[in-house]
Amino acid sequence: MNYKDLVNEVKKQTGEKYEVCSDIVNGYEKYCEDEIKRPFKKEVDEHMIEWVSSYTKHDNQTVSSVLTVLITLVRKEVKSKIPFMK
């Protein structure tokens, strides 16, 4: 799944605008660069939401909603490419 497809799928599942989803996806990417160990958590946590919200200037509820869908999609894509992942 390429970037545009990913953002469109997040947009579809959350009902948020494309630009909002794109901002949060980009914020999550930056979060992953700065917080190298934390992105591998299975669920979205308060630290992640606060960090991305602060970076993107979007409210915590919107960030939480978008991140939950984003991380679910990314994990699903990774699992489909790496058969031994559980």
Protein backbone atom coordinates (compact mmCIF):
# COMPACT_ATOMS: atom_id res chain seq x y z
CA MET A 1 0.00 0.00 0.00
CA ASN A 2 1.53 3.33 -0.99
CA TYR A 3 1.29 6.55 1.02
CA LYS A 4 -1.72 7.97 -0.84
CA ASP A 5 -3.64 4.68 -0.57
CA LEU A 6 -2.81 4.47 3.14
CA VAL A 7 -4.01 8.02 3.83
CA ASN A 8 -7.15 7.46 1.75
CA GLU A 9 -7.96 4.28 3.70
CA VAL A 10 -7.42 6.07 7.02
CA LYS A 11 -9.64 8.92 5.74
CA LYS A 12 -12.34 6.45 4.73
CA GLN A 13 -12.33 4.65 8.08
CA THR A 14 -12.17 7.76 10.27
CA GLY A 15 -14.26 10.22 8.27
CA GLU A 16 -11.59 12.90 8.69
CA LYS A 17 -10.36 15.14 5.86
CA TYR A 18 -7.46 13.91 3.72
CA GLU A 19 -5.26 16.79 4.91
CA VAL A 20 -5.89 15.98 8.57
CA CYS A 21 -5.07 12.30 8.03
CA SER A 22 -1.97 13.20 6.03
CA ASP A 23 -0.76 15.59 8.77
CA ILE A 24 -1.20 12.92 11.43
CA VAL A 25 0.45 10.19 9.32
CA ASN A 26 3.41 12.54 8.77
CA GLY A 27 3.44 13.37 12.49
CA TYR A 28 3.50 9.66 13.34
CA GLU A 29 6.42 9.19 10.94
CA LYS A 30 8.32 11.96 12.74
CA TYR A 31 7.36 10.42 16.09
CA CYS A 32 8.84 7.11 14.95
CA GLU A 33 12.10 8.84 14.05
CA ASP A 34 12.36 10.58 17.44
CA GLU A 35 10.98 7.82 19.66
CA ILE A 36 12.68 4.84 18.04
CA LYS A 37 11.51 2.14 20.50
CA ARG A 38 7.98 3.31 21.18
CA PRO A 39 6.36 2.78 17.74
CA PHE A 40 6.52 -0.99 18.15
CA LYS A 41 3.89 -0.98 20.88
CA LYS A 42 0.73 -2.82 19.90
CA GLU A 43 -1.65 -0.07 20.92
CA VAL A 44 -1.80 3.69 20.79
CA ASP A 45 -0.82 5.18 24.14
CA GLU A 46 -1.20 8.61 25.72
CA HIS A 47 2.44 9.58 25.10
CA MET A 48 2.09 8.85 21.39
CA ILE A 49 -1.17 10.80 21.15
CA GLU A 50 0.24 13.80 23.03
CA TRP A 51 3.43 13.82 20.96
CA VAL A 52 1.66 13.67 17.58
CA SER A 53 -1.01 16.12 18.72
CA SER A 54 1.63 18.61 19.79
CA TYR A 55 3.53 18.15 16.52
CA THR A 56 0.49 18.43 14.24
CA LYS A 57 -1.64 20.84 16.32
CA HIS A 58 -4.67 18.54 15.91
CA ASP A 59 -6.78 17.68 18.96
CA ASN A 60 -6.09 14.51 20.93
CA GLN A 61 -9.38 12.82 19.97
CA THR A 62 -8.72 13.23 16.24
CA VAL A 63 -5.11 12.10 16.61
CA SER A 64 -6.17 9.07 18.64
CA SER A 65 -8.79 8.06 16.08
CA VAL A 66 -6.44 8.43 13.11
CA LEU A 67 -3.50 6.71 14.84
CA THR A 68 -5.63 3.76 15.90
CA VAL A 69 -6.72 3.14 12.30
CA LEU A 70 -3.24 3.87 10.91
CA ILE A 71 -1.44 1.47 13.23
CA THR A 72 -4.02 -1.26 12.64
CA LEU A 73 -3.58 -0.90 8.86
CA VAL A 74 0.22 -0.82 9.04
CA ARG A 75 0.37 -3.89 11.29
CA LYS A 76 -2.01 -5.73 8.96
CA GLU A 77 0.15 -4.86 5.93
CA VAL A 78 3.34 -5.93 7.68
CA LYS A 79 1.78 -9.22 8.77
CA SER A 80 0.66 -9.95 5.22
CA LYS A 81 4.25 -9.49 3.98
CA ILE A 82 6.02 -11.37 6.78
CA PRO A 83 4.31 -14.72 7.35
CA PHE A 84 6.04 -15.58 10.63
CA MET A 85 4.80 -12.43 12.42
CA LYS A 86 1.96 -12.94 14.90
